Amino acid sequence: MSQLIYPNLFCFVYDIKEGLGFNKEELRDAQANFAHRLPHLSYVFKNDHNFETEYHELLPTKIDKFTDQEDGYTGYYYPVRLNDTYGLLVACSPPENSQIYSANQVIANLKKKN
């Protein structure tokens, strides 16, 4: 496979926020399902509201940066609400150096992180 310098991986996942006819318990379950993806960002829903909107950022700072102390990977989380759906963009990259990575190596390392 290809050799890469400064590889970046972007992943977008989404969960339904509110389906047609959801009751309050189902809304809480949907929110908990999305929050499960962001265990360290417990405050993500403090910025959410019940108004109908096409696009709403869920963090006051827009992104939440992270660094993996073990391997030096850095990246960020970007949670949003799109109409009746919660979306999460996760971006990650290995340490910035001139090392050449194989795409298989980068993907295998990130899969281990889960």
N, C-alpha and C. Protein backbone atom coordinates (compact mmCIF):
# COMPACT_ATOMS: atom_id res chain seq x y z
N MET A 1 0.84 -1.18 0.00
CA MET A 1 0.00 0.00 0.00
C MET A 1 0.89 1.24 0.00
N SER A 2 0.33 2.40 -0.13
CA SER A 2 1.04 3.66 -0.25
C SER A 2 1.85 4.01 0.99
N GLN A 3 2.92 4.73 0.75
CA GLN A 3 3.73 5.28 1.83
C GLN A 3 3.26 6.71 2.09
N LEU A 4 3.11 7.08 3.34
CA LEU A 4 2.53 8.37 3.69
C LEU A 4 3.46 9.17 4.58
N ILE A 5 3.48 10.48 4.38
CA ILE A 5 4.16 11.41 5.28
C ILE A 5 3.07 12.31 5.85
N TYR A 6 3.05 12.51 7.15
CA TYR A 6 2.02 13.31 7.84
C TYR A 6 0.60 12.80 7.56
N PRO A 7 0.35 11.52 7.80
CA PRO A 7 -1.01 11.01 7.55
C PRO A 7 -2.02 11.57 8.55
N ASN A 8 -3.25 11.73 8.11
CA ASN A 8 -4.37 12.18 8.94
C ASN A 8 -5.54 11.26 8.67
N LEU A 9 -6.25 10.90 9.72
CA LEU A 9 -7.43 10.07 9.57
C LEU A 9 -8.62 10.83 10.11
N PHE A 10 -9.69 10.88 9.33
CA PHE A 10 -10.93 11.54 9.74
C PHE A 10 -12.05 10.51 9.72
N CYS A 11 -12.84 10.50 10.77
CA CYS A 11 -13.95 9.56 10.88
C CYS A 11 -15.18 10.34 11.33
N PHE A 12 -16.30 10.13 10.64
CA PHE A 12 -17.55 10.78 11.01
C PHE A 12 -18.55 9.71 11.38
N VAL A 13 -19.09 9.79 12.59
CA VAL A 13 -20.12 8.86 13.05
C VAL A 13 -21.34 9.67 13.45
N TYR A 14 -22.50 9.04 13.40
CA TYR A 14 -23.72 9.77 13.75
C TYR A 14 -24.71 8.84 14.44
N ASP A 15 -25.57 9.43 15.24
CA ASP A 15 -26.65 8.75 15.95
C ASP A 15 -27.90 9.60 15.83
N ILE A 16 -29.03 8.95 15.80
CA ILE A 16 -30.29 9.69 15.75
C ILE A 16 -30.52 10.38 17.09
N LYS A 17 -30.97 11.60 17.05
CA LYS A 17 -31.30 12.34 18.26
C LYS A 17 -32.77 12.13 18.61
N GLU A 18 -33.60 12.29 17.59
CA GLU A 18 -35.04 12.24 17.83
C GLU A 18 -35.75 11.67 16.61
N GLY A 19 -36.37 10.53 16.81
CA GLY A 19 -37.16 9.93 15.75
C GLY A 19 -38.62 10.36 15.88
N LEU A 20 -39.37 10.18 14.85
CA LEU A 20 -40.78 10.54 14.85
C LEU A 20 -41.51 9.75 15.93
N GLY A 21 -42.13 10.45 16.86
CA GLY A 21 -42.90 9.81 17.92
C GLY A 21 -42.08 9.35 19.12
N PHE A 22 -40.82 9.80 19.23
CA PHE A 22 -40.00 9.43 20.39
C PHE A 22 -40.63 10.01 21.65
N ASN A 23 -40.67 9.21 22.71
CA ASN A 23 -41.09 9.75 24.01
C ASN A 23 -39.84 10.19 24.77
N LYS A 24 -40.02 10.74 25.97
CA LYS A 24 -38.89 11.28 26.73
C LYS A 24 -37.84 10.22 27.05
N GLU A 25 -38.27 9.02 27.33
CA GLU A 25 -37.32 7.95 27.65
C GLU A 25 -36.47 7.59 26.43
N GLU A 26 -37.11 7.52 25.27
CA GLU A 26 -36.37 7.22 24.04
C GLU A 26 -35.39 8.34 23.69
N LEU A 27 -35.77 9.59 23.97
CA LEU A 27 -34.85 10.72 23.75
C LEU A 27 -33.63 10.60 24.66
N ARG A 28 -33.86 10.25 25.94
CA ARG A 28 -32.73 10.07 26.87
C ARG A 28 -31.83 8.92 26.42
N ASP A 29 -32.43 7.83 25.94
CA ASP A 29 -31.64 6.70 25.46
C ASP A 29 -30.79 7.08 24.25
N ALA A 30 -31.36 7.84 23.33
CA ALA A 30 -30.62 8.28 22.14
C ALA A 30 -29.46 9.18 22.54
N GLN A 31 -29.70 10.08 23.51
CA GLN A 31 -28.65 10.96 23.99
C GLN A 31 -27.56 10.16 24.69
N ALA A 32 -27.94 9.17 25.48
CA ALA A 32 -26.96 8.33 26.17
C ALA A 32 -26.12 7.52 25.19
N ASN A 33 -26.74 7.08 24.11
CA ASN A 33 -26.02 6.33 23.10
C ASN A 33 -24.93 7.19 22.46
N PHE A 34 -25.25 8.44 22.16
CA PHE A 34 -24.25 9.34 21.59
C PHE A 34 -23.20 9.71 22.63
N ALA A 35 -23.61 9.95 23.87
CA ALA A 35 -22.67 10.31 24.94
C ALA A 35 -21.69 9.17 25.21
N HIS A 36 -22.09 7.95 24.93
CA HIS A 36 -21.20 6.80 25.12
C HIS A 36 -19.95 6.93 24.25
N ARG A 37 -20.08 7.60 23.11
CA ARG A 37 -18.93 7.81 22.21
C ARG A 37 -17.97 8.87 22.76
N LEU A 38 -18.46 9.70 23.68
CA LEU A 38 -17.67 10.80 24.25
C LEU A 38 -17.64 10.71 25.78
N PRO A 39 -17.08 9.66 26.35
CA PRO A 39 -17.18 9.49 27.80
C PRO A 39 -16.52 10.61 28.61
N HIS A 40 -15.49 11.24 28.09
CA HIS A 40 -14.82 12.30 28.86
C HIS A 40 -15.43 13.68 28.60
N LEU A 41 -16.39 13.79 27.71
CA LEU A 41 -17.05 15.07 27.42
C LEU A 41 -18.47 15.07 27.96
N SER A 42 -18.61 14.91 29.25
CA SER A 42 -19.93 14.81 29.86
C SER A 42 -20.74 16.10 29.71
N TYR A 43 -20.08 17.21 29.49
CA TYR A 43 -20.76 18.50 29.39
C TYR A 43 -21.25 18.81 27.97
N VAL A 44 -21.13 17.88 27.04
CA VAL A 44 -21.46 18.15 25.64
C VAL A 44 -22.92 18.55 25.44
N PHE A 45 -23.83 18.05 26.26
CA PHE A 45 -25.24 18.35 26.07
C PHE A 45 -25.69 19.61 26.80
N LYS A 46 -24.82 20.24 27.57
CA LYS A 46 -25.20 21.49 28.23
C LYS A 46 -25.42 22.60 27.22
N ASN A 47 -24.78 22.50 26.07
CA ASN A 47 -24.89 23.50 25.02
C ASN A 47 -25.99 23.15 24.01
N ASP A 48 -26.64 22.00 24.19
CA ASP A 48 -27.71 21.58 23.28
C ASP A 48 -29.02 22.23 23.71
N HIS A 49 -29.96 22.32 22.80
CA HIS A 49 -31.29 22.87 23.11
C HIS A 49 -32.33 22.11 22.30
N ASN A 50 -33.58 22.34 22.60
CA ASN A 50 -34.66 21.62 21.94
C ASN A 50 -35.20 22.32 20.70
N PHE A 51 -34.63 23.44 20.33
CA PHE A 51 -35.11 24.16 19.16
C PHE A 51 -34.74 23.40 17.88
N GLU A 52 -35.61 23.45 16.90
CA GLU A 52 -35.33 22.85 15.60
C GLU A 52 -34.25 23.68 14.91
N THR A 53 -33.19 23.05 14.52
CA THR A 53 -32.09 23.74 13.87
C THR A 53 -31.41 22.80 12.88
N GLU A 54 -30.88 23.35 11.81
CA GLU A 54 -30.20 22.52 10.83
C GLU A 54 -28.80 22.17 11.27
N TYR A 55 -28.13 23.08 11.99
CA TYR A 55 -26.74 22.85 12.38
C TYR A 55 -26.49 23.55 13.71
N HIS A 56 -25.95 22.80 14.67
CA HIS A 56 -25.68 23.37 15.99
C HIS A 56 -24.42 22.71 16.56
N GLU A 57 -23.43 23.52 16.92
CA GLU A 57 -22.20 23.01 17.52
C GLU A 57 -22.46 22.72 19.00
N LEU A 58 -22.03 21.55 19.46
CA LEU A 58 -22.35 21.13 20.82
C LEU A 58 -21.28 21.50 21.85
N LEU A 59 -20.13 21.97 21.42
CA LEU A 59 -19.11 22.41 22.36
C LEU A 59 -18.92 23.91 22.26
N PRO A 60 -18.77 24.58 23.38
CA PRO A 60 -18.56 26.03 23.33
C PRO A 60 -17.24 26.40 22.63
N THR A 61 -16.26 25.51 22.68
CA THR A 61 -14.97 25.77 22.04
C THR A 61 -14.89 25.19 20.64
N LYS A 62 -15.96 24.62 20.14
CA LYS A 62 -16.10 23.98 18.83
C LYS A 62 -15.41 22.63 18.75
N ILE A 63 -14.16 22.52 19.25
CA ILE A 63 -13.47 21.24 19.21
C ILE A 63 -12.88 20.93 20.58
N ASP A 64 -12.61 19.66 20.81
CA ASP A 64 -11.93 19.22 22.02
C ASP A 64 -10.70 18.45 21.58
N LYS A 65 -9.52 19.02 21.80
CA LYS A 65 -8.27 18.39 21.36
C LYS A 65 -7.85 17.30 22.33
N PHE A 66 -7.13 16.31 21.81
CA PHE A 66 -6.58 15.26 22.65
C PHE A 66 -5.20 14.87 22.17
N THR A 67 -4.42 14.30 23.07
CA THR A 67 -3.10 13.76 22.75
C THR A 67 -2.97 12.42 23.46
N ASP A 68 -2.55 11.42 22.73
CA ASP A 68 -2.31 10.10 23.31
C ASP A 68 -0.89 10.10 23.86
N GLN A 69 -0.75 10.01 25.16
CA GLN A 69 0.57 10.09 25.81
C GLN A 69 1.46 8.91 25.42
N GLU A 70 0.86 7.77 25.13
CA GLU A 70 1.63 6.56 24.83
C GLU A 70 2.34 6.65 23.48
N ASP A 71 1.59 6.98 22.42
CA ASP A 71 2.14 6.99 21.06
C ASP A 71 2.34 8.38 20.49
N GLY A 72 1.84 9.41 21.14
CA GLY A 72 2.00 10.76 20.64
C GLY A 72 0.99 11.17 19.58
N TYR A 73 -0.02 10.35 19.33
CA TYR A 73 -1.05 10.71 18.37
C TYR A 73 -1.82 11.93 18.91
N THR A 74 -2.17 12.84 18.02
CA THR A 74 -2.95 14.01 18.40
C THR A 74 -4.18 14.08 17.51
N GLY A 75 -5.18 14.80 17.99
CA GLY A 75 -6.38 14.94 17.20
C GLY A 75 -7.42 15.76 17.92
N TYR A 76 -8.64 15.67 17.42
CA TYR A 76 -9.72 16.43 18.05
C TYR A 76 -11.06 15.76 17.80
N TYR A 77 -12.02 16.09 18.67
CA TYR A 77 -13.42 15.70 18.53
C TYR A 77 -14.21 16.95 18.16
N TYR A 78 -15.18 16.81 17.27
CA TYR A 78 -16.02 17.92 16.87
C TYR A 78 -17.48 17.44 16.82
N PRO A 79 -18.20 17.51 17.96
CA PRO A 79 -19.58 17.05 17.97
C PRO A 79 -20.55 18.16 17.55
N VAL A 80 -21.54 17.79 16.74
CA VAL A 80 -22.55 18.73 16.27
C VAL A 80 -23.92 18.06 16.27
N ARG A 81 -24.95 18.88 16.15
CA ARG A 81 -26.29 18.37 15.94
C ARG A 81 -26.75 18.85 14.57
N LEU A 82 -27.18 17.92 13.74
CA LEU A 82 -27.67 18.21 12.41
C LEU A 82 -29.14 17.79 12.35
N ASN A 83 -30.03 18.77 12.43
CA ASN A 83 -31.48 18.50 12.49
C ASN A 83 -31.78 17.53 13.63
N ASP A 84 -32.20 16.31 13.30
CA ASP A 84 -32.57 15.34 14.33
C ASP A 84 -31.49 14.28 14.54
N THR A 85 -30.23 14.62 14.21
CA THR A 85 -29.12 13.68 14.29
C THR A 85 -27.94 14.30 15.02
N TYR A 86 -27.29 13.49 15.87
CA TYR A 86 -26.02 13.91 16.47
C TYR A 86 -24.91 13.39 15.58
N GLY A 87 -23.92 14.24 15.31
CA GLY A 87 -22.78 13.84 14.50
C GLY A 87 -21.49 14.10 15.24
N LEU A 88 -20.49 13.27 14.99
CA LEU A 88 -19.19 13.42 15.64
C LEU A 88 -18.09 13.21 14.61
N LEU A 89 -17.27 14.23 14.43
CA LEU A 89 -16.09 14.13 13.59
C LEU A 89 -14.90 13.90 14.51
N VAL A 90 -14.13 12.86 14.23
CA VAL A 90 -12.91 12.58 14.99
C VAL A 90 -11.76 12.64 14.00
N ALA A 91 -10.76 13.46 14.32
CA ALA A 91 -9.57 13.57 13.48
C ALA A 91 -8.37 13.15 14.30
N CYS A 92 -7.44 12.44 13.68
CA CYS A 92 -6.29 11.94 14.41
C CYS A 92 -5.10 11.84 13.47
N SER A 93 -3.90 12.07 14.00
CA SER A 93 -2.68 11.92 13.21
C SER A 93 -1.52 11.54 14.13
N PRO A 94 -0.53 10.82 13.58
CA PRO A 94 0.65 10.47 14.38
C PRO A 94 1.51 11.71 14.62
N PRO A 95 2.54 11.58 15.45
CA PRO A 95 3.40 12.74 15.73
C PRO A 95 3.95 13.34 14.45
N GLU A 96 4.09 14.65 14.44
CA GLU A 96 4.60 15.33 13.25
C GLU A 96 6.10 15.19 13.18
N ASN A 97 6.54 14.32 12.31
CA ASN A 97 7.96 14.16 12.01
C ASN A 97 8.06 13.72 10.56
N SER A 98 9.25 13.57 10.06
CA SER A 98 9.40 13.24 8.65
C SER A 98 9.44 11.73 8.41
N GLN A 99 9.03 10.94 9.39
CA GLN A 99 8.99 9.49 9.24
C GLN A 99 7.97 9.12 8.17
N ILE A 100 8.30 8.11 7.41
CA ILE A 100 7.37 7.60 6.39
C ILE A 100 6.58 6.46 7.01
N TYR A 101 5.25 6.54 6.90
CA TYR A 101 4.35 5.53 7.45
C TYR A 101 3.70 4.78 6.30
N SER A 102 3.43 3.51 6.53
CA SER A 102 2.59 2.80 5.56
C SER A 102 1.15 3.01 6.01
N ALA A 103 0.26 3.10 5.07
CA ALA A 103 -1.15 3.31 5.41
C ALA A 103 -1.66 2.17 6.28
N ASN A 104 -1.22 0.94 6.00
CA ASN A 104 -1.64 -0.21 6.81
C ASN A 104 -1.18 -0.05 8.26
N GLN A 105 0.04 0.45 8.46
CA GLN A 105 0.59 0.64 9.80
C GLN A 105 -0.24 1.66 10.59
N VAL A 106 -0.57 2.77 9.98
CA VAL A 106 -1.35 3.82 10.64
C VAL A 106 -2.73 3.29 11.02
N ILE A 107 -3.40 2.64 10.11
CA ILE A 107 -4.74 2.11 10.37
C ILE A 107 -4.69 1.03 11.45
N ALA A 108 -3.71 0.16 11.41
CA ALA A 108 -3.59 -0.89 12.44
C ALA A 108 -3.34 -0.29 13.82
N ASN A 109 -2.50 0.73 13.91
CA ASN A 109 -2.24 1.39 15.19
C ASN A 109 -3.49 2.06 15.74
N LEU A 110 -4.26 2.71 14.88
CA LEU A 110 -5.48 3.38 15.34
C LEU A 110 -6.57 2.39 15.72
N LYS A 111 -6.64 1.25 15.05
CA LYS A 111 -7.62 0.23 15.41
C LYS A 111 -7.36 -0.29 16.82
N LYS A 112 -6.09 -0.38 17.20
CA LYS A 112 -5.74 -0.85 18.54
C LYS A 112 -6.26 0.12 19.60
N LYS A 113 -6.31 1.40 19.27
CA LYS A 113 -6.76 2.43 20.21
C LYS A 113 -8.26 2.33 20.45
N ASN A 114 -8.98 1.98 19.43
CA ASN A 114 -10.43 1.81 19.47
C ASN A 114 -11.08 2.96 20.15
